[in-house]
């Protein structure tokens, strides 16, 4: 039997049912959101491990010995403080033009753009 009083009209009965559905709808919604988020995290961790990206992650503790052997390439960088005069602007334009030239020289459809040297990543010995 129904737990609704018998003296309710059809409209009131349908509103009562709708209220019950909405009452549980928020719980179902939150549960679904948590399940979907967990599923997406599960997939992303699987992709992280299967794609080889986990082996490139030098912040992992098992790669602490490799971190000491990294040689950082000292690329010329423009200082972020100092006097801004004509000489400083010309120096910046020269550094900018040199960097832009190296970018334009890269063949975008070859495997070269993804090499460590092209990406400016340090070499590991």
N, C-alpha and C. Protein backbone atom coordinates (compact mmCIF):
# COMPACT_ATOMS: atom_id res chain seq x y z
N UNK A 1 0.81 -1.18 0.00
CA UNK A 1 0.00 0.00 0.00
C UNK A 1 0.86 1.25 0.00
N UNK A 2 0.27 2.32 -0.36
CA UNK A 2 0.96 3.60 -0.43
C UNK A 2 0.99 4.24 0.95
N UNK A 3 2.07 5.00 1.22
CA UNK A 3 2.16 5.70 2.49
C UNK A 3 1.61 7.12 2.38
N UNK A 4 0.91 7.41 1.28
CA UNK A 4 0.29 8.71 1.09
C UNK A 4 -1.12 8.69 1.69
N UNK A 5 -1.54 9.78 2.27
CA UNK A 5 -2.92 9.83 2.79
C UNK A 5 -3.92 9.67 1.65
N UNK A 6 -5.09 9.11 1.97
CA UNK A 6 -6.09 8.82 0.94
C UNK A 6 -6.86 10.05 0.51
N UNK A 7 -6.83 11.11 1.29
CA UNK A 7 -7.62 12.28 0.95
C UNK A 7 -6.87 13.27 0.04
N UNK A 8 -5.71 12.91 -0.46
CA UNK A 8 -4.95 13.78 -1.37
C UNK A 8 -5.53 13.68 -2.77
N UNK A 9 -5.49 14.80 -3.48
CA UNK A 9 -5.93 14.79 -4.87
C UNK A 9 -4.84 14.19 -5.74
N UNK A 10 -5.18 13.91 -6.98
CA UNK A 10 -4.19 13.36 -7.91
C UNK A 10 -3.01 14.31 -8.10
N UNK A 11 -3.29 15.61 -8.14
CA UNK A 11 -2.23 16.60 -8.31
C UNK A 11 -1.28 16.57 -7.11
N UNK A 12 -1.85 16.51 -5.92
CA UNK A 12 -1.02 16.49 -4.72
C UNK A 12 -0.21 15.20 -4.65
N UNK A 13 -0.81 14.08 -5.08
CA UNK A 13 -0.09 12.81 -5.09
C UNK A 13 1.10 12.86 -6.05
N UNK A 14 0.87 13.44 -7.24
CA UNK A 14 1.96 13.51 -8.21
C UNK A 14 3.06 14.45 -7.72
N UNK A 15 2.69 15.56 -7.05
CA UNK A 15 3.68 16.46 -6.47
C UNK A 15 4.48 15.77 -5.37
N UNK A 16 3.81 14.93 -4.61
CA UNK A 16 4.48 14.19 -3.55
C UNK A 16 5.50 13.22 -4.14
N UNK A 17 5.12 12.56 -5.23
CA UNK A 17 6.05 11.64 -5.89
C UNK A 17 7.25 12.40 -6.47
N UNK A 18 6.97 13.54 -7.07
CA UNK A 18 8.05 14.35 -7.64
C UNK A 18 9.01 14.80 -6.53
N UNK A 19 8.47 15.20 -5.40
CA UNK A 19 9.33 15.61 -4.28
C UNK A 19 10.21 14.46 -3.82
N UNK A 20 9.68 13.26 -3.78
CA UNK A 20 10.47 12.10 -3.37
C UNK A 20 11.58 11.84 -4.39
N UNK A 21 11.26 11.97 -5.67
CA UNK A 21 12.26 11.75 -6.72
C UNK A 21 13.37 12.80 -6.59
N UNK A 22 13.00 14.07 -6.40
CA UNK A 22 14.00 15.11 -6.26
C UNK A 22 14.82 14.93 -4.99
N UNK A 23 14.22 14.40 -3.97
CA UNK A 23 14.93 14.17 -2.73
C UNK A 23 16.09 13.20 -2.95
N UNK A 24 15.85 12.17 -3.72
CA UNK A 24 16.89 11.18 -3.98
C UNK A 24 17.73 11.52 -5.21
N UNK A 25 17.25 12.42 -6.01
CA UNK A 25 17.98 12.78 -7.23
C UNK A 25 19.33 13.41 -6.91
N UNK A 26 19.40 14.23 -5.89
CA UNK A 26 20.66 14.88 -5.53
C UNK A 26 21.66 13.84 -5.04
N UNK A 27 21.19 12.85 -4.30
CA UNK A 27 22.08 11.79 -3.82
C UNK A 27 22.60 10.99 -5.00
N UNK A 28 21.71 10.65 -5.93
CA UNK A 28 22.10 9.91 -7.13
C UNK A 28 23.08 10.74 -7.96
N UNK A 29 22.81 12.01 -8.10
CA UNK A 29 23.68 12.89 -8.87
C UNK A 29 25.08 12.94 -8.27
N UNK A 30 25.18 13.15 -6.98
CA UNK A 30 26.49 13.21 -6.32
C UNK A 30 27.22 11.87 -6.45
N UNK A 31 26.49 10.78 -6.28
CA UNK A 31 27.10 9.46 -6.42
C UNK A 31 27.63 9.25 -7.82
N UNK A 32 26.84 9.63 -8.83
CA UNK A 32 27.29 9.48 -10.22
C UNK A 32 28.51 10.35 -10.51
N UNK A 33 28.53 11.55 -10.01
CA UNK A 33 29.68 12.45 -10.23
C UNK A 33 30.94 11.85 -9.62
N UNK A 34 30.84 11.32 -8.41
CA UNK A 34 32.00 10.72 -7.76
C UNK A 34 32.46 9.48 -8.53
N UNK A 35 31.52 8.66 -8.98
CA UNK A 35 31.88 7.46 -9.74
C UNK A 35 32.54 7.82 -11.07
N UNK A 36 32.00 8.81 -11.76
CA UNK A 36 32.58 9.23 -13.05
C UNK A 36 33.98 9.81 -12.83
N UNK A 37 34.15 10.63 -11.78
CA UNK A 37 35.47 11.19 -11.49
C UNK A 37 36.48 10.08 -11.17
N UNK A 38 36.05 9.11 -10.38
CA UNK A 38 36.94 7.98 -10.06
C UNK A 38 37.31 7.19 -11.30
N UNK A 39 36.35 6.97 -12.18
CA UNK A 39 36.61 6.24 -13.42
C UNK A 39 37.60 7.00 -14.30
N UNK A 40 37.44 8.32 -14.41
CA UNK A 40 38.36 9.13 -15.22
C UNK A 40 39.76 9.14 -14.62
N UNK A 41 39.86 9.18 -13.30
CA UNK A 41 41.18 9.12 -12.65
C UNK A 41 41.82 7.77 -12.93
N UNK A 42 41.04 6.70 -12.84
CA UNK A 42 41.54 5.35 -13.12
C UNK A 42 42.09 5.27 -14.55
N UNK A 43 41.37 5.82 -15.51
CA UNK A 43 41.81 5.81 -16.91
C UNK A 43 43.07 6.66 -17.07
N UNK A 44 43.12 7.84 -16.45
CA UNK A 44 44.29 8.71 -16.63
C UNK A 44 45.54 8.09 -16.00
N UNK A 45 45.41 7.44 -14.88
CA UNK A 45 46.58 6.78 -14.27
C UNK A 45 47.02 5.62 -15.14
N UNK A 46 46.08 4.90 -15.71
CA UNK A 46 46.44 3.81 -16.63
C UNK A 46 47.18 4.33 -17.85
N UNK A 47 46.70 5.43 -18.42
CA UNK A 47 47.39 6.04 -19.57
C UNK A 47 48.76 6.57 -19.17
N UNK A 48 48.86 7.14 -18.00
CA UNK A 48 50.14 7.67 -17.50
C UNK A 48 51.18 6.56 -17.42
N UNK A 49 50.77 5.40 -16.94
CA UNK A 49 51.71 4.28 -16.81
C UNK A 49 51.97 3.59 -18.13
N UNK A 50 50.94 3.39 -18.95
CA UNK A 50 51.10 2.63 -20.18
C UNK A 50 51.77 3.43 -21.31
N UNK A 51 51.68 4.75 -21.27
CA UNK A 51 52.25 5.56 -22.34
C UNK A 51 53.74 5.81 -22.17
N UNK A 52 54.29 5.47 -21.02
CA UNK A 52 55.71 5.71 -20.78
C UNK A 52 55.98 7.04 -20.12
N UNK A 53 54.96 7.83 -19.89
CA UNK A 53 55.16 9.12 -19.25
C UNK A 53 55.66 8.95 -17.82
N UNK A 54 55.27 7.89 -17.17
CA UNK A 54 55.73 7.66 -15.79
C UNK A 54 57.24 7.50 -15.73
N UNK A 55 57.82 6.95 -16.80
CA UNK A 55 59.26 6.77 -16.82
C UNK A 55 59.99 8.11 -17.05
N UNK A 56 59.32 9.09 -17.59
CA UNK A 56 59.93 10.40 -17.83
C UNK A 56 59.80 11.34 -16.65
N UNK A 57 58.98 10.98 -15.69
CA UNK A 57 58.72 11.83 -14.54
C UNK A 57 59.88 11.75 -13.56
N UNK A 58 60.77 12.73 -13.60
CA UNK A 58 61.97 12.71 -12.76
C UNK A 58 61.69 13.09 -11.32
N UNK A 59 60.47 13.48 -11.00
CA UNK A 59 60.17 13.83 -9.62
C UNK A 59 59.87 12.59 -8.79
N UNK A 60 59.76 11.44 -9.43
CA UNK A 60 59.49 10.20 -8.69
C UNK A 60 60.73 9.80 -7.90
N UNK A 61 60.54 9.25 -6.70
CA UNK A 61 61.67 8.92 -5.82
C UNK A 61 62.67 7.93 -6.43
N UNK A 62 62.22 7.00 -7.25
CA UNK A 62 63.15 6.01 -7.80
C UNK A 62 64.11 6.61 -8.83
N UNK A 63 63.88 7.85 -9.24
CA UNK A 63 64.77 8.50 -10.20
C UNK A 63 65.66 9.55 -9.54
N UNK A 64 65.81 9.50 -8.22
CA UNK A 64 66.62 10.50 -7.54
C UNK A 64 68.09 10.41 -7.95
N UNK A 65 68.57 9.22 -8.34
CA UNK A 65 69.96 9.08 -8.78
C UNK A 65 70.17 9.76 -10.14
N UNK A 66 69.16 9.76 -10.97
CA UNK A 66 69.27 10.35 -12.31
C UNK A 66 69.25 11.87 -12.23
N UNK A 67 68.56 12.41 -11.25
CA UNK A 67 68.44 13.86 -11.14
C UNK A 67 69.81 14.51 -10.97
N UNK A 68 70.70 13.85 -10.28
CA UNK A 68 72.05 14.41 -10.06
C UNK A 68 72.87 14.46 -11.35
N UNK A 69 72.54 13.65 -12.33
CA UNK A 69 73.32 13.60 -13.57
C UNK A 69 72.77 14.51 -14.66
N UNK A 70 71.76 15.29 -14.37
CA UNK A 70 71.18 16.19 -15.38
C UNK A 70 72.08 17.40 -15.55
N UNK A 71 72.35 17.73 -16.80
CA UNK A 71 73.10 18.94 -17.11
C UNK A 71 72.14 19.96 -17.70
N UNK A 72 72.03 21.07 -17.04
CA UNK A 72 71.12 22.11 -17.51
C UNK A 72 71.83 22.98 -18.55
N UNK A 73 71.15 23.19 -19.64
CA UNK A 73 71.69 24.01 -20.71
C UNK A 73 71.42 25.47 -20.38
N UNK A 74 72.47 26.25 -20.37
CA UNK A 74 72.32 27.67 -20.05
C UNK A 74 71.98 28.42 -21.33
N UNK A 75 70.70 28.61 -21.55
CA UNK A 75 70.31 29.38 -22.72
C UNK A 75 70.29 30.85 -22.34
N UNK A 76 70.55 31.68 -23.33
CA UNK A 76 70.59 33.10 -23.03
C UNK A 76 69.17 33.59 -22.77
N UNK A 77 69.03 34.22 -21.63
CA UNK A 77 67.72 34.73 -21.24
C UNK A 77 67.84 36.21 -20.97
N UNK A 78 66.79 36.90 -21.23
CA UNK A 78 66.75 38.33 -21.00
C UNK A 78 66.45 38.57 -19.53
N UNK A 79 67.22 39.44 -18.87
CA UNK A 79 66.99 39.69 -17.44
C UNK A 79 65.62 40.34 -17.21
N UNK A 80 65.01 40.02 -16.08
CA UNK A 80 63.67 40.55 -15.81
C UNK A 80 63.71 41.85 -15.01
N UNK A 81 64.88 42.36 -14.73
CA UNK A 81 64.99 43.64 -14.05
C UNK A 81 66.17 44.40 -14.62
N UNK A 82 66.19 45.68 -14.41
CA UNK A 82 67.29 46.50 -14.91
C UNK A 82 66.78 47.74 -15.62
N UNK A 83 67.73 48.49 -16.13
CA UNK A 83 67.39 49.73 -16.81
C UNK A 83 66.87 49.44 -18.22
N UNK A 84 65.78 50.08 -18.59
CA UNK A 84 65.19 49.89 -19.91
C UNK A 84 65.60 51.07 -20.79
N UNK A 85 66.60 50.84 -21.63
CA UNK A 85 67.06 51.87 -22.54
C UNK A 85 67.18 51.29 -23.94
N UNK A 86 67.71 52.04 -24.86
CA UNK A 86 67.82 51.61 -26.25
C UNK A 86 68.68 50.35 -26.38
N UNK A 87 69.78 50.28 -25.62
CA UNK A 87 70.66 49.11 -25.67
C UNK A 87 69.93 47.85 -25.19
N UNK A 88 69.16 47.99 -24.14
CA UNK A 88 68.42 46.85 -23.60
C UNK A 88 67.37 46.37 -24.60
N UNK A 89 66.71 47.29 -25.26
CA UNK A 89 65.70 46.92 -26.25
C UNK A 89 66.35 46.22 -27.43
N UNK A 90 67.49 46.71 -27.90
CA UNK A 90 68.18 46.05 -29.01
C UNK A 90 68.65 44.66 -28.62
N UNK A 91 69.14 44.50 -27.38
CA UNK A 91 69.57 43.19 -26.91
C UNK A 91 68.38 42.22 -26.86
N UNK A 92 67.24 42.72 -26.39
CA UNK A 92 66.05 41.88 -26.35
C UNK A 92 65.62 41.48 -27.75
N UNK A 93 65.61 42.43 -28.67
CA UNK A 93 65.21 42.13 -30.05
C UNK A 93 66.15 41.10 -30.68
N UNK A 94 67.44 41.19 -30.38
CA UNK A 94 68.40 40.21 -30.91
C UNK A 94 68.11 38.82 -30.36
N UNK A 95 67.91 38.72 -29.04
CA UNK A 95 67.57 37.43 -28.44
C UNK A 95 66.25 36.89 -28.99
N UNK A 96 65.29 37.78 -29.17
CA UNK A 96 63.99 37.38 -29.70
C UNK A 96 64.12 36.89 -31.14
N UNK A 97 64.85 37.62 -31.96
CA UNK A 97 65.02 37.23 -33.36
C UNK A 97 65.77 35.89 -33.47
N UNK A 98 66.79 35.69 -32.63
CA UNK A 98 67.52 34.42 -32.64
C UNK A 98 66.59 33.26 -32.29
N UNK A 99 65.77 33.44 -31.26
CA UNK A 99 64.84 32.38 -30.85
C UNK A 99 63.77 32.16 -31.92
N UNK A 100 63.26 33.23 -32.51
CA UNK A 100 62.24 33.09 -33.56
C UNK A 100 62.82 32.38 -34.77
N UNK A 101 64.08 32.65 -35.09
CA UNK A 101 64.73 32.00 -36.23
C UNK A 101 64.86 30.49 -36.00
N UNK A 102 65.21 30.09 -34.78
CA UNK A 102 65.32 28.64 -34.50
C UNK A 102 63.95 27.97 -34.58
N UNK A 103 62.90 28.69 -34.22
CA UNK A 103 61.55 28.11 -34.30
C UNK A 103 61.11 27.98 -35.75
N UNK A 104 61.39 28.97 -36.57
CA UNK A 104 60.99 28.93 -37.97
C UNK A 104 61.75 27.85 -38.74
N UNK A 105 62.99 27.58 -38.35
CA UNK A 105 63.81 26.58 -39.04
C UNK A 105 63.36 25.14 -38.79
N UNK A 106 62.51 24.92 -37.82
CA UNK A 106 62.08 23.56 -37.48
C UNK A 106 61.04 23.08 -38.48
N UNK A 107 61.27 21.86 -39.00
CA UNK A 107 60.29 21.23 -39.89
C UNK A 107 59.20 20.62 -39.01
N UNK A 108 58.01 21.17 -39.08
CA UNK A 108 56.94 20.78 -38.17
C UNK A 108 56.46 19.35 -38.38
N UNK A 109 56.72 18.76 -39.54
CA UNK A 109 56.20 17.43 -39.82
C UNK A 109 57.24 16.33 -39.66
N UNK A 110 58.37 16.65 -39.09
CA UNK A 110 59.39 15.64 -38.83
C UNK A 110 59.40 15.33 -37.33
N UNK A 111 60.07 14.27 -36.92
CA UNK A 111 60.12 13.98 -35.48
C UNK A 111 61.00 14.96 -34.69
N UNK A 112 61.71 15.81 -35.37
CA UNK A 112 62.61 16.76 -34.72
C UNK A 112 61.96 17.69 -33.72
N UNK A 113 60.77 18.23 -33.97
CA UNK A 113 60.18 19.16 -33.00
C UNK A 113 59.92 18.56 -31.63
N UNK A 114 59.85 17.25 -31.54
CA UNK A 114 59.60 16.63 -30.24
C UNK A 114 60.86 16.10 -29.58
N UNK A 115 62.01 16.40 -30.16
CA UNK A 115 63.26 15.94 -29.55
C UNK A 115 63.56 16.75 -28.29
N UNK A 116 64.38 16.19 -27.42
CA UNK A 116 64.72 16.88 -26.18
C UNK A 116 65.43 18.20 -26.44
N UNK A 117 66.31 18.21 -27.44
CA UNK A 117 67.07 19.43 -27.74
C UNK A 117 66.13 20.54 -28.21
N UNK A 118 65.20 20.19 -29.10
CA UNK A 118 64.28 21.19 -29.63
C UNK A 118 63.36 21.73 -28.55
N UNK A 119 62.95 20.86 -27.63
CA UNK A 119 62.06 21.29 -26.57
C UNK A 119 62.82 22.01 -25.45
N UNK A 120 64.14 22.03 -25.52
CA UNK A 120 64.93 22.71 -24.52
C UNK A 120 65.06 21.93 -23.22
N UNK A 121 64.90 20.62 -23.30
CA UNK A 121 65.01 19.78 -22.10
C UNK A 121 66.48 19.46 -21.84
N UNK A 122 66.84 19.34 -20.58
CA UNK A 122 68.25 19.04 -20.26
C UNK A 122 68.60 17.61 -20.65
N UNK A 123 69.89 17.41 -20.92
CA UNK A 123 70.37 16.07 -21.30
C UNK A 123 70.64 15.26 -20.05
N UNK A 124 70.30 13.98 -20.10
CA UNK A 124 70.56 13.07 -19.00
C UNK A 124 71.67 12.14 -19.43
N UNK A 125 72.72 12.08 -18.62
CA UNK A 125 73.86 11.21 -18.98
C UNK A 125 73.73 9.89 -18.29
